[in-house]
Amino acid sequence: MQRKLRLQSRHEFARIYRNGKSFANSQFVVYWSRQPEADPIRLGVSASKKIGNAVVRNRMRRLVKEIVRQHADRISEKHDLIVIVRKAAVGLKMKELEKSMLHVLKKAGLLKPLR
């Protein structure tokens, strides 16, 4: 994920939490909002201390960013996304995480139909 496509500031997160919509499954919660800028999509990942130590949290962040990077062409453009990782996601393999992430994005209506 390119640095310019990341959500980092507190006010960006607060804007999406306040004005955005959310959808969830047992592994992830996705908050999303239309973005005012012209970037394709911007992503923020949140992993609380409840899911594990710093090594576990950073690994989950990297995996989520990689899944979104691989499927960026399928995700609707001009959106800001915040993905919250839940404890149930920690023990899963990459393919299971990918399936779960695509499920919650589809549930949120953010996936483009396959051609």
PDB file of N, CA and C in Angstrom:
ATOM      1  N   MET A   1       0.854  -1.179   0.000  1.00  0.00           N
ATOM      2  CA  MET A   1       0.000   0.000   0.000  1.00  0.00           C
ATOM      3  C   MET A   1       0.892   1.232   0.000  1.00  0.00           C
ATOM      4  N   GLN A   2       0.677   2.091  -0.935  1.00  0.00           N
ATOM      5  CA  GLN A   2       1.487   3.295  -1.017  1.00  0.00           C
ATOM      6  C   GLN A   2       1.184   4.221   0.153  1.00  0.00           C
ATOM      7  N   ARG A   3       2.185   4.943   0.585  1.00  0.00           N
ATOM      8  CA  ARG A   3       2.034   5.816   1.748  1.00  0.00           C
ATOM      9  C   ARG A   3       0.937   6.865   1.541  1.00  0.00           C
ATOM     10  N   LYS A   4       0.825   7.412   0.336  1.00  0.00           N
ATOM     11  CA  LYS A   4      -0.184   8.450   0.112  1.00  0.00           C
ATOM     12  C   LYS A   4      -1.602   7.891   0.136  1.00  0.00           C
ATOM     13  N   LEU A   5      -1.743   6.575   0.048  1.00  0.00           N
ATOM     14  CA  LEU A   5      -3.067   5.948   0.064  1.00  0.00           C
ATOM     15  C   LEU A   5      -3.444   5.421   1.440  1.00  0.00           C
ATOM     16  N   ARG A   6      -2.731   5.844   2.479  1.00  0.00           N
ATOM     17  CA  ARG A   6      -3.040   5.419   3.837  1.00  0.00           C
ATOM     18  C   ARG A   6      -3.740   6.530   4.598  1.00  0.00           C
ATOM     19  N   LEU A   7      -4.659   6.129   5.444  1.00  0.00           N
ATOM     20  CA  LEU A   7      -5.260   7.070   6.389  1.00  0.00           C
ATOM     21  C   LEU A   7      -4.379   7.054   7.625  1.00  0.00           C
ATOM     22  N   GLN A   8      -3.959   8.211   8.081  1.00  0.00           N
ATOM     23  CA  GLN A   8      -3.064   8.243   9.225  1.00  0.00           C
ATOM     24  C   GLN A   8      -3.498   9.218  10.310  1.00  0.00           C
ATOM     25  N   SER A   9      -4.098  10.327   9.928  1.00  0.00           N
ATOM     26  CA  SER A   9      -4.375  11.344  10.939  1.00  0.00           C
ATOM     27  C   SER A   9      -5.657  11.031  11.719  1.00  0.00           C
ATOM     28  N   ARG A  10      -5.678  11.492  12.921  1.00  0.00           N
ATOM     29  CA  ARG A  10      -6.796  11.262  13.832  1.00  0.00           C
ATOM     30  C   ARG A  10      -8.101  11.846  13.286  1.00  0.00           C
ATOM     31  N   HIS A  11      -8.018  13.023  12.665  1.00  0.00           N
ATOM     32  CA  HIS A  11      -9.250  13.643  12.173  1.00  0.00           C
ATOM     33  C   HIS A  11      -9.843  12.897  10.982  1.00  0.00           C
ATOM     34  N   GLU A  12      -9.009  12.246  10.163  1.00  0.00           N
ATOM     35  CA  GLU A  12      -9.535  11.424   9.064  1.00  0.00           C
ATOM     36  C   GLU A  12     -10.282  10.211   9.608  1.00  0.00           C
ATOM     37  N   PHE A  13      -9.694   9.550  10.614  1.00  0.00           N
ATOM     38  CA  PHE A  13     -10.363   8.416  11.241  1.00  0.00           C
ATOM     39  C   PHE A  13     -11.678   8.861  11.876  1.00  0.00           C
ATOM     40  N   ALA A  14     -11.639   9.991  12.585  1.00  0.00           N
ATOM     41  CA  ALA A  14     -12.839  10.487  13.273  1.00  0.00           C
ATOM     42  C   ALA A  14     -13.943  10.824  12.272  1.00  0.00           C
ATOM     43  N   ARG A  15     -13.573  11.407  11.140  1.00  0.00           N
ATOM     44  CA  ARG A  15     -14.570  11.745  10.119  1.00  0.00           C
ATOM     45  C   ARG A  15     -15.268  10.498   9.605  1.00  0.00           C
ATOM     46  N   ILE A  16     -14.519   9.444   9.376  1.00  0.00           N
ATOM     47  CA  ILE A  16     -15.110   8.220   8.844  1.00  0.00           C
ATOM     48  C   ILE A  16     -15.956   7.524   9.905  1.00  0.00           C
ATOM     49  N   TYR A  17     -15.467   7.472  11.151  1.00  0.00           N
ATOM     50  CA  TYR A  17     -16.265   6.875  12.219  1.00  0.00           C
ATOM     51  C   TYR A  17     -17.577   7.638  12.404  1.00  0.00           C
ATOM     52  N   ARG A  18     -17.522   8.953  12.319  1.00  0.00           N
ATOM     53  CA  ARG A  18     -18.686   9.791  12.580  1.00  0.00           C
ATOM     54  C   ARG A  18     -19.680   9.767  11.416  1.00  0.00           C
ATOM     55  N   ASN A  19     -19.190   9.887  10.175  1.00  0.00           N
ATOM     56  CA  ASN A  19     -20.071  10.048   9.020  1.00  0.00           C
ATOM     57  C   ASN A  19     -20.199   8.808   8.148  1.00  0.00           C
ATOM     58  N   GLY A  20     -19.369   7.798   8.400  1.00  0.00           N
ATOM     59  CA  GLY A  20     -19.362   6.642   7.517  1.00  0.00           C
ATOM     60  C   GLY A  20     -20.369   5.580   7.907  1.00  0.00           C
ATOM     61  N   LYS A  21     -20.378   4.530   7.123  1.00  0.00           N
ATOM     62  CA  LYS A  21     -21.224   3.371   7.374  1.00  0.00           C
ATOM     63  C   LYS A  21     -20.321   2.219   7.798  1.00  0.00           C
ATOM     64  N   SER A  22     -20.887   1.246   8.503  1.00  0.00           N
ATOM     65  CA  SER A  22     -20.067   0.118   8.942  1.00  0.00           C
ATOM     66  C   SER A  22     -20.762  -1.204   8.649  1.00  0.00           C
ATOM     67  N   PHE A  23     -19.946  -2.186   8.377  1.00  0.00           N
ATOM     68  CA  PHE A  23     -20.392  -3.554   8.181  1.00  0.00           C
ATOM     69  C   PHE A  23     -19.372  -4.458   8.843  1.00  0.00           C
ATOM     70  N   ALA A  24     -19.825  -5.627   9.315  1.00  0.00           N
ATOM     71  CA  ALA A  24     -18.923  -6.489  10.079  1.00  0.00           C
ATOM     72  C   ALA A  24     -19.226  -7.954   9.831  1.00  0.00           C
ATOM     73  N   ASN A  25     -18.213  -8.760  10.070  1.00  0.00           N
ATOM     74  CA  ASN A  25     -18.381 -10.198  10.232  1.00  0.00           C
ATOM     75  C   ASN A  25     -17.564 -10.566  11.465  1.00  0.00           C
ATOM     76  N   SER A  26     -17.336 -11.834  11.704  1.00  0.00           N
ATOM     77  CA  SER A  26     -16.671 -12.212  12.954  1.00  0.00           C
ATOM     78  C   SER A  26     -15.179 -11.873  12.978  1.00  0.00           C
ATOM     79  N   GLN A  27     -14.547 -11.626  11.825  1.00  0.00           N
ATOM     80  CA  GLN A  27     -13.122 -11.331  11.786  1.00  0.00           C
ATOM     81  C   GLN A  27     -12.803  -9.850  11.599  1.00  0.00           C
ATOM     82  N   PHE A  28     -13.649  -9.111  10.894  1.00  0.00           N
ATOM     83  CA  PHE A  28     -13.346  -7.721  10.554  1.00  0.00           C
ATOM     84  C   PHE A  28     -14.568  -6.826  10.708  1.00  0.00           C
ATOM     85  N   VAL A  29     -14.302  -5.556  10.966  1.00  0.00           N
ATOM     86  CA  VAL A  29     -15.306  -4.503  10.884  1.00  0.00           C
ATOM     87  C   VAL A  29     -14.775  -3.507   9.863  1.00  0.00           C
ATOM     88  N   VAL A  30     -15.619  -3.105   8.919  1.00  0.00           N
ATOM     89  CA  VAL A  30     -15.213  -2.135   7.906  1.00  0.00           C
ATOM     90  C   VAL A  30     -16.086  -0.899   8.035  1.00  0.00           C
ATOM     91  N   TYR A  31     -15.447   0.245   8.247  1.00  0.00           N
ATOM     92  CA  TYR A  31     -16.109   1.540   8.178  1.00  0.00           C
ATOM     93  C   TYR A  31     -15.705   2.154   6.853  1.00  0.00           C
ATOM     94  N   TRP A  32     -16.647   2.743   6.147  1.00  0.00           N
ATOM     95  CA  TRP A  32     -16.311   3.371   4.878  1.00  0.00           C
ATOM     96  C   TRP A  32     -17.099   4.649   4.683  1.00  0.00           C
ATOM     97  N   SER A  33     -16.508   5.510   3.886  1.00  0.00           N
ATOM     98  CA  SER A  33     -17.111   6.803   3.586  1.00  0.00           C
ATOM     99  C   SER A  33     -16.611   7.256   2.217  1.00  0.00           C
ATOM    100  N   ARG A  34     -17.457   8.000   1.507  1.00  0.00           N
ATOM    101  CA  ARG A  34     -17.006   8.614   0.261  1.00  0.00           C
ATOM    102  C   ARG A  34     -15.946   9.642   0.622  1.00  0.00           C
ATOM    103  N   GLN A  35     -14.920   9.739  -0.198  1.00  0.00           N
ATOM    104  CA  GLN A  35     -13.839  10.677   0.103  1.00  0.00           C
ATOM    105  C   GLN A  35     -13.909  11.898  -0.793  1.00  0.00           C
ATOM    106  N   PRO A  36     -13.517  13.031  -0.249  1.00  0.00           N
ATOM    107  CA  PRO A  36     -13.541  14.254  -1.051  1.00  0.00           C
ATOM    108  C   PRO A  36     -12.385  14.336  -2.052  1.00  0.00           C
ATOM    109  N   GLU A  37     -11.271  13.681  -1.772  1.00  0.00           N
ATOM    110  CA  GLU A  37     -10.104  13.760  -2.656  1.00  0.00           C
ATOM    111  C   GLU A  37     -10.285  12.834  -3.858  1.00  0.00           C
ATOM    112  N   ALA A  38      -9.330  12.882  -4.760  1.00  0.00           N
ATOM    113  CA  ALA A  38      -9.414  12.120  -6.003  1.00  0.00           C
ATOM    114  C   ALA A  38      -8.587  10.833  -5.987  1.00  0.00           C
ATOM    115  N   ASP A  39      -8.157  10.368  -4.811  1.00  0.00           N
ATOM    116  CA  ASP A  39      -7.396   9.113  -4.751  1.00  0.00           C
ATOM    117  C   ASP A  39      -8.334   7.947  -5.029  1.00  0.00           C
ATOM    118  N   PRO A  40      -7.804   6.825  -5.517  1.00  0.00           N
ATOM    119  CA  PRO A  40      -8.670   5.675  -5.788  1.00  0.00           C
ATOM    120  C   PRO A  40      -9.350   5.165  -4.499  1.00  0.00           C
ATOM    121  N   ILE A  41      -8.577   4.652  -3.578  1.00  0.00           N
ATOM    122  CA  ILE A  41      -9.087   4.286  -2.255  1.00  0.00           C
ATOM    123  C   ILE A  41      -7.997   4.602  -1.246  1.00  0.00           C
ATOM    124  N   ARG A  42      -8.405   4.927  -0.030  1.00  0.00           N
ATOM    125  CA  ARG A  42      -7.432   5.110   1.047  1.00  0.00           C
ATOM    126  C   ARG A  42      -7.825   4.161   2.158  1.00  0.00           C
ATOM    127  N   LEU A  43      -6.817   3.615   2.840  1.00  0.00           N
ATOM    128  CA  LEU A  43      -7.051   2.565   3.817  1.00  0.00           C
ATOM    129  C   LEU A  43      -6.390   2.899   5.143  1.00  0.00           C
ATOM    130  N   GLY A  44      -7.097   2.612   6.221  1.00  0.00           N
ATOM    131  CA  GLY A  44      -6.552   2.664   7.570  1.00  0.00           C
ATOM    132  C   GLY A  44      -6.867   1.338   8.240  1.00  0.00           C
ATOM    133  N   VAL A  45      -5.926   0.800   8.988  1.00  0.00           N
ATOM    134  CA  VAL A  45      -6.130  -0.480   9.669  1.00  0.00           C
ATOM    135  C   VAL A  45      -5.939  -0.266  11.159  1.00  0.00           C
ATOM    136  N   SER A  46      -6.875  -0.797  11.929  1.00  0.00           N
ATOM    137  CA  SER A  46      -6.813  -0.676  13.370  1.00  0.00           C
ATOM    138  C   SER A  46      -6.807  -2.070  13.982  1.00  0.00           C
ATOM    139  N   ALA A  47      -5.849  -2.313  14.870  1.00  0.00           N
ATOM    140  CA  ALA A  47      -5.755  -3.586  15.580  1.00  0.00           C
ATOM    141  C   ALA A  47      -5.471  -3.269  17.042  1.00  0.00           C
ATOM    142  N   SER A  48      -6.412  -3.558  17.910  1.00  0.00           N
ATOM    143  CA  SER A  48      -6.262  -3.178  19.307  1.00  0.00           C
ATOM    144  C   SER A  48      -5.365  -4.157  20.054  1.00  0.00           C
ATOM    145  N   LYS A  49      -4.979  -3.780  21.253  1.00  0.00           N
ATOM    146  CA  LYS A  49      -4.127  -4.628  22.081  1.00  0.00           C
ATOM    147  C   LYS A  49      -4.828  -5.908  22.507  1.00  0.00           C
ATOM    148  N   LYS A  50      -6.142  -5.956  22.366  1.00  0.00           N
ATOM    149  CA  LYS A  50      -6.902  -7.151  22.732  1.00  0.00           C
ATOM    150  C   LYS A  50      -6.530  -8.354  21.874  1.00  0.00           C
ATOM    151  N   ILE A  51      -6.052  -8.111  20.650  1.00  0.00           N
ATOM    152  CA  ILE A  51      -5.785  -9.240  19.760  1.00  0.00           C
ATOM    153  C   ILE A  51      -4.393  -9.833  19.950  1.00  0.00           C
ATOM    154  N   GLY A  52      -3.513  -9.147  20.647  1.00  0.00           N
ATOM    155  CA  GLY A  52      -2.194  -9.710  20.889  1.00  0.00           C
ATOM    156  C   GLY A  52      -1.139  -8.641  21.055  1.00  0.00           C
ATOM    157  N   ASN A  53       0.103  -9.101  21.121  1.00  0.00           N
ATOM    158  CA  ASN A  53       1.212  -8.164  21.305  1.00  0.00           C
ATOM    159  C   ASN A  53       1.524  -7.429  20.002  1.00  0.00           C
ATOM    160  N   ALA A  54       2.535  -6.594  20.012  1.00  0.00           N
ATOM    161  CA  ALA A  54       2.863  -5.757  18.864  1.00  0.00           C
ATOM    162  C   ALA A  54       3.188  -6.578  17.615  1.00  0.00           C
ATOM    163  N   VAL A  55       3.820  -7.707  17.802  1.00  0.00           N
ATOM    164  CA  VAL A  55       4.172  -8.560  16.662  1.00  0.00           C
ATOM    165  C   VAL A  55       2.904  -9.046  15.970  1.00  0.00           C
ATOM    166  N   VAL A  56       1.944  -9.506  16.744  1.00  0.00           N
ATOM    167  CA  VAL A  56       0.684 -10.014  16.198  1.00  0.00           C
ATOM    168  C   VAL A  56      -0.099  -8.885  15.522  1.00  0.00           C
ATOM    169  N   ARG A  57      -0.198  -7.736  16.184  1.00  0.00           N
ATOM    170  CA  ARG A  57      -0.948  -6.605  15.624  1.00  0.00           C
ATOM    171  C   ARG A  57      -0.347  -6.133  14.305  1.00  0.00           C
ATOM    172  N   ASN A  58       0.972  -5.997  14.266  1.00  0.00           N
ATOM    173  CA  ASN A  58       1.624  -5.538  13.029  1.00  0.00           C
ATOM    174  C   ASN A  58       1.497  -6.557  11.913  1.00  0.00           C
ATOM    175  N   ARG A  59       1.563  -7.844  12.249  1.00  0.00           N
ATOM    176  CA  ARG A  59       1.393  -8.883  11.230  1.00  0.00           C
ATOM    177  C   ARG A  59      -0.011  -8.822  10.639  1.00  0.00           C
ATOM    178  N   MET A  60      -1.013  -8.635  11.479  1.00  0.00           N
ATOM    179  CA  MET A  60      -2.389  -8.546  10.993  1.00  0.00           C
ATOM    180  C   MET A  60      -2.573  -7.305  10.117  1.00  0.00           C
ATOM    181  N   ARG A  61      -1.959  -6.197  10.493  1.00  0.00           N
ATOM    182  CA  ARG A  61      -2.034  -4.982   9.673  1.00  0.00           C
ATOM    183  C   ARG A  61      -1.413  -5.217   8.296  1.00  0.00           C
ATOM    184  N   ARG A  62      -0.244  -5.863   8.290  1.00  0.00           N
ATOM    185  CA  ARG A  62       0.421  -6.142   7.006  1.00  0.00           C
ATOM    186  C   ARG A  62      -0.429  -7.054   6.133  1.00  0.00           C
ATOM    187  N   LEU A  63      -1.034  -8.081   6.724  1.00  0.00           N
ATOM    188  CA  LEU A  63      -1.856  -9.005   5.944  1.00  0.00           C
ATOM    189  C   LEU A  63      -3.087  -8.307   5.363  1.00  0.00           C
ATOM    190  N   VAL A  64      -3.734  -7.466   6.161  1.00  0.00           N
ATOM    191  CA  VAL A  64      -4.912  -6.744   5.675  1.00  0.00           C
ATOM    192  C   VAL A  64      -4.521  -5.805   4.540  1.00  0.00           C
ATOM    193  N   LYS A  65      -3.428  -5.079   4.692  1.00  0.00           N
ATOM    194  CA  LYS A  65      -2.976  -4.169   3.634  1.00  0.00           C
ATOM    195  C   LYS A  65      -2.657  -4.938   2.353  1.00  0.00           C
ATOM    196  N   GLU A  66      -2.065  -6.108   2.490  1.00  0.00           N
ATOM    197  CA  GLU A  66      -1.729  -6.921   1.320  1.00  0.00           C
ATOM    198  C   GLU A  66      -2.994  -7.416   0.619  1.00  0.00           C
ATOM    199  N   ILE A  67      -3.983  -7.843   1.380  1.00  0.00           N
ATOM    200  CA  ILE A  67      -5.242  -8.301   0.789  1.00  0.00           C
ATOM    201  C   ILE A  67      -5.907  -7.153   0.023  1.00  0.00           C
ATOM    202  N   VAL A  68      -5.951  -5.983   0.615  1.00  0.00           N
ATOM    203  CA  VAL A  68      -6.562  -4.834  -0.055  1.00  0.00           C
ATOM    204  C   VAL A  68      -5.744  -4.449  -1.287  1.00  0.00           C
ATOM    205  N   ARG A  69      -4.432  -4.504  -1.197  1.00  0.00           N
ATOM    206  CA  ARG A  69      -3.587  -4.178  -2.353  1.00  0.00           C
ATOM    207  C   ARG A  69      -3.851  -5.133  -3.519  1.00  0.00           C
ATOM    208  N   GLN A  70      -3.972  -6.432  -3.208  1.00  0.00           N
ATOM    209  CA  GLN A  70      -4.204  -7.420  -4.259  1.00  0.00           C
ATOM    210  C   GLN A  70      -5.567  -7.256  -4.920  1.00  0.00           C
ATOM    211  N   HIS A  71      -6.539  -6.776  -4.180  1.00  0.00           N
ATOM    212  CA  HIS A  71      -7.900  -6.662  -4.707  1.00  0.00           C
ATOM    213  C   HIS A  71      -8.329  -5.213  -4.919  1.00  0.00           C
ATOM    214  N   ALA A  72      -7.379  -4.299  -5.002  1.00  0.00           N
ATOM    215  CA  ALA A  72      -7.693  -2.875  -5.150  1.00  0.00           C
ATOM    216  C   ALA A  72      -8.482  -2.592  -6.424  1.00  0.00           C
ATOM    217  N   ASP A  73      -8.242  -3.362  -7.475  1.00  0.00           N
ATOM    218  CA  ASP A  73      -8.970  -3.138  -8.719  1.00  0.00           C
ATOM    219  C   ASP A  73     -10.438  -3.538  -8.616  1.00  0.00           C
ATOM    220  N   ARG A  74     -10.785  -4.390  -7.643  1.00  0.00           N
ATOM    221  CA  ARG A  74     -12.175  -4.834  -7.454  1.00  0.00           C
ATOM    222  C   ARG A  74     -12.941  -3.942  -6.474  1.00  0.00           C
ATOM    223  N   ILE A  75     -12.238  -3.114  -5.706  1.00  0.00           N
ATOM    224  CA  ILE A  75     -12.885  -2.275  -4.700  1.00  0.00           C
ATOM    225  C   ILE A  75     -13.312  -0.963  -5.352  1.00  0.00           C
ATOM    226  N   SER A  76     -14.536  -0.539  -5.048  1.00  0.00           N
ATOM    227  CA  SER A  76     -15.058   0.712  -5.600  1.00  0.00           C
ATOM    228  C   SER A  76     -14.135   1.871  -5.268  1.00  0.00           C
ATOM    229  N   GLU A  77     -13.930   2.736  -6.241  1.00  0.00           N
ATOM    230  CA  GLU A  77     -13.004   3.851  -6.075  1.00  0.00           C
ATOM    231  C   GLU A  77     -13.652   5.010  -5.325  1.00  0.00           C
ATOM    232  N   LYS A  78     -12.805   5.967  -4.947  1.00  0.00           N
ATOM    233  CA  LYS A  78     -13.215   7.184  -4.247  1.00  0.00           C
ATOM    234  C   LYS A  78     -13.847   6.890  -2.882  1.00  0.00           C
ATOM    235  N   HIS A  79     -13.260   5.941  -2.156  1.00  0.00           N
ATOM    236  CA  HIS A  79     -13.725   5.613  -0.817  1.00  0.00           C
ATOM    237  C   HIS A  79     -12.555   5.616   0.166  1.00  0.00           C
ATOM    238  N   ASP A  80     -12.865   5.979   1.401  1.00  0.00           N
ATOM    239  CA  ASP A  80     -11.941   5.808   2.509  1.00  0.00           C
ATOM    240  C   ASP A  80     -12.427   4.613   3.309  1.00  0.00           C
ATOM    241  N   LEU A  81     -11.524   3.695   3.617  1.00  0.00           N
ATOM    242  CA  LEU A  81     -11.871   2.489   4.368  1.00  0.00           C
ATOM    243  C   LEU A  81     -11.084   2.434   5.660  1.00  0.00           C
ATOM    244  N   ILE A  82     -11.740   2.009   6.727  1.00  0.00           N
ATOM    245  CA  ILE A  82     -11.047   1.663   7.961  1.00  0.00           C
ATOM    246  C   ILE A  82     -11.407   0.213   8.251  1.00  0.00           C
ATOM    247  N   VAL A  83     -10.403  -0.623   8.409  1.00  0.00           N
ATOM    248  CA  VAL A  83     -10.615  -2.027   8.734  1.00  0.00           C
ATOM    249  C   VAL A  83     -10.164  -2.244  10.171  1.00  0.00           C
ATOM    250  N   ILE A  84     -11.067  -2.759  10.985  1.00  0.00           N
ATOM    251  CA  ILE A  84     -10.747  -3.102  12.368  1.00  0.00           C
ATOM    252  C   ILE A  84     -10.628  -4.612  12.441  1.00  0.00           C
ATOM    253  N   VAL A  85      -9.490  -5.072  12.924  1.00  0.00           N
ATOM    254  CA  VAL A  85      -9.228  -6.509  13.020  1.00  0.00           C
ATOM    255  C   VAL A  85      -9.755  -7.006  14.360  1.00  0.00           C
ATOM    256  N   ARG A  86     -10.538  -8.071  14.316  1.00  0.00           N
ATOM    257  CA  ARG A  86     -11.059  -8.681  15.535  1.00  0.00           C
ATOM    258  C   ARG A  86     -10.194  -9.879  15.925  1.00  0.00           C
ATOM    259  N   LYS A  87     -10.327 -10.305  17.174  1.00  0.00           N
ATOM    260  CA  LYS A  87      -9.508 -11.382  17.716  1.00  0.00           C
ATOM    261  C   LYS A  87      -9.680 -12.701  16.941  1.00  0.00           C
ATOM    262  N   ALA A  88     -10.861 -12.939  16.400  1.00  0.00           N
ATOM    263  CA  ALA A  88     -11.120 -14.175  15.659  1.00  0.00           C
ATOM    264  C   ALA A  88     -10.260 -14.302  14.404  1.00  0.00           C
ATOM    265  N   ALA A  89      -9.718 -13.197  13.913  1.00  0.00           N
ATOM    266  CA  ALA A  89      -8.912 -13.226  12.686  1.00  0.00           C
ATOM    267  C   ALA A  89      -7.478 -13.672  12.929  1.00  0.00           C
ATOM    268  N   VAL A  90      -7.031 -13.668  14.175  1.00  0.00           N
ATOM    269  CA  VAL A  90      -5.619 -13.883  14.464  1.00  0.00           C
ATOM    270  C   VAL A  90      -5.127 -15.264  14.047  1.00  0.00           C
ATOM    271  N   GLY A  91      -5.879 -16.308  14.273  1.00  0.00           N
ATOM    272  CA  GLY A  91      -5.397 -17.656  13.994  1.00  0.00           C
ATOM    273  C   GLY A  91      -5.617 -18.142  12.580  1.00  0.00           C
ATOM    274  N   LEU A  92      -6.198 -17.324  11.724  1.00  0.00           N
ATOM    275  CA  LEU A  92      -6.557 -17.775  10.382  1.00  0.00           C
ATOM    276  C   LEU A  92      -5.388 -17.698   9.399  1.00  0.00           C
ATOM    277  N   LYS A  93      -5.453 -18.555   8.400  1.00  0.00           N
ATOM    278  CA  LYS A  93      -4.479 -18.536   7.309  1.00  0.00           C
ATOM    279  C   LYS A  93      -4.812 -17.393   6.344  1.00  0.00           C
ATOM    280  N   MET A  94      -3.875 -17.087   5.477  1.00  0.00           N
ATOM    281  CA  MET A  94      -4.028 -15.962   4.539  1.00  0.00           C
ATOM    282  C   MET A  94      -5.263 -16.129   3.655  1.00  0.00           C
ATOM    283  N   LYS A  95      -5.500 -17.307   3.116  1.00  0.00           N
ATOM    284  CA  LYS A  95      -6.651 -17.543   2.238  1.00  0.00           C
ATOM    285  C   LYS A  95      -7.962 -17.328   2.982  1.00  0.00           C
ATOM    286  N   GLU A  96      -8.019 -17.762   4.238  1.00  0.00           N
ATOM    287  CA  GLU A  96      -9.232 -17.573   5.032  1.00  0.00           C
ATOM    288  C   GLU A  96      -9.455 -16.098   5.340  1.00  0.00           C
ATOM    289  N   LEU A  97      -8.370 -15.375   5.644  1.00  0.00           N
ATOM    290  CA  LEU A  97      -8.474 -13.937   5.879  1.00  0.00           C
ATOM    291  C   LEU A  97      -8.954 -13.220   4.616  1.00  0.00           C
ATOM    292  N   GLU A  98      -8.416 -13.626   3.480  1.00  0.00           N
ATOM    293  CA  GLU A  98      -8.798 -13.014   2.211  1.00  0.00           C
ATOM    294  C   GLU A  98     -10.284 -13.236   1.933  1.00  0.00           C
ATOM    295  N   LYS A  99     -10.744 -14.463   2.153  1.00  0.00           N
ATOM    296  CA  LYS A  99     -12.153 -14.787   1.933  1.00  0.00           C
ATOM    297  C   LYS A  99     -13.044 -13.969   2.867  1.00  0.00           C
ATOM    298  N   SER A 100     -12.644 -13.849   4.116  1.00  0.00           N
ATOM    299  CA  SER A 100     -13.416 -13.091   5.089  1.00  0.00           C
ATOM    300  C   SER A 100     -13.441 -11.601   4.745  1.00  0.00           C
ATOM    301  N   MET A 101     -12.306 -11.064   4.331  1.00  0.00           N
ATOM    302  CA  MET A 101     -12.239  -9.647   3.965  1.00  0.00           C
ATOM    303  C   MET A 101     -13.115  -9.362   2.747  1.00  0.00           C
ATOM    304  N   LEU A 102     -13.058 -10.218   1.732  1.00  0.00           N
ATOM    305  CA  LEU A 102     -13.888 -10.031   0.547  1.00  0.00           C
ATOM    306  C   LEU A 102     -15.368 -10.147   0.904  1.00  0.00           C
ATOM    307  N   HIS A 103     -15.693 -11.027   1.855  1.00  0.00           N
ATOM    308  CA  HIS A 103     -17.080 -11.175   2.303  1.00  0.00           C
ATOM    309  C   HIS A 103     -17.595  -9.880   2.924  1.00  0.00           C
ATOM    310  N   VAL A 104     -16.821  -9.286   3.817  1.00  0.00           N
ATOM    311  CA  VAL A 104     -17.285  -8.066   4.482  1.00  0.00           C
ATOM    312  C   VAL A 104     -17.320  -6.890   3.509  1.00  0.00           C
ATOM    313  N   LEU A 105     -16.406  -6.836   2.553  1.00  0.00           N
ATOM    314  CA  LEU A 105     -16.442  -5.773   1.545  1.00  0.00           C
ATOM    315  C   LEU A 105     -17.654  -5.933   0.630  1.00  0.00           C
ATOM    316  N   LYS A 106     -17.977  -7.170   0.287  1.00  0.00           N
ATOM    317  CA  LYS A 106     -19.155  -7.431  -0.538  1.00  0.00           C
ATOM    318  C   LYS A 106     -20.421  -7.066   0.232  1.00  0.00           C
ATOM    319  N   LYS A 107     -20.445  -7.399   1.512  1.00  0.00           N
ATOM    320  CA  LYS A 107     -21.578  -7.073   2.382  1.00  0.00           C
ATOM    321  C   LYS A 107     -21.777  -5.557   2.448  1.00  0.00           C
ATOM    322  N   ALA A 108     -20.686  -4.821   2.440  1.00  0.00           N
ATOM    323  CA  ALA A 108     -20.736  -3.357   2.485  1.00  0.00           C
ATOM    324  C   ALA A 108     -21.066  -2.745   1.130  1.00  0.00           C
ATOM    325  N   GLY A 109     -21.070  -3.563   0.070  1.00  0.00           N
ATOM    326  CA  GLY A 109     -21.365  -3.048  -1.267  1.00  0.00           C
ATOM    327  C   GLY A 109     -20.198  -2.328  -1.901  1.00  0.00           C
ATOM    328  N   LEU A 110     -18.982  -2.658  -1.472  1.00  0.00           N
ATOM    329  CA  LEU A 110     -17.789  -1.971  -1.980  1.00  0.00           C
ATOM    330  C   LEU A 110     -17.060  -2.742  -3.075  1.00  0.00           C
ATOM    331  N   LEU A 111     -17.481  -3.959  -3.368  1.00  0.00           N
ATOM    332  CA  LEU A 111     -16.823  -4.744  -4.412  1.00  0.00           C
ATOM    333  C   LEU A 111     -17.530  -4.554  -5.750  1.00  0.00           C
ATOM    334  N   LYS A 112     -16.746  -4.336  -6.781  1.00  0.00           N
ATOM    335  CA  LYS A 112     -17.283  -4.268  -8.130  1.00  0.00           C
ATOM    336  C   LYS A 112     -17.609  -5.692  -8.569  1.00  0.00           C
ATOM    337  N   PRO A 113     -18.607  -5.871  -9.415  1.00  0.00           N
ATOM    338  CA  PRO A 113     -18.900  -7.232  -9.904  1.00  0.00           C
ATOM    339  C   PRO A 113     -17.772  -7.747 -10.787  1.00  0.00           C
ATOM    340  N   LEU A 114     -17.553  -9.054 -10.731  1.00  0.00           N
ATOM    341  CA  LEU A 114     -16.525  -9.671 -11.583  1.00  0.00           C
ATOM    342  C   LEU A 114     -16.966  -9.634 -13.030  1.00  0.00           C
ATOM    343  N   ARG A 115     -16.004  -9.454 -13.921  1.00  0.00           N
ATOM    344  CA  ARG A 115     -16.300  -9.390 -15.353  1.00  0.00           C
ATOM    345  C   ARG A 115     -16.061 -10.715 -15.988  1.00  0.00           C
TER     346      ARG A 115
END
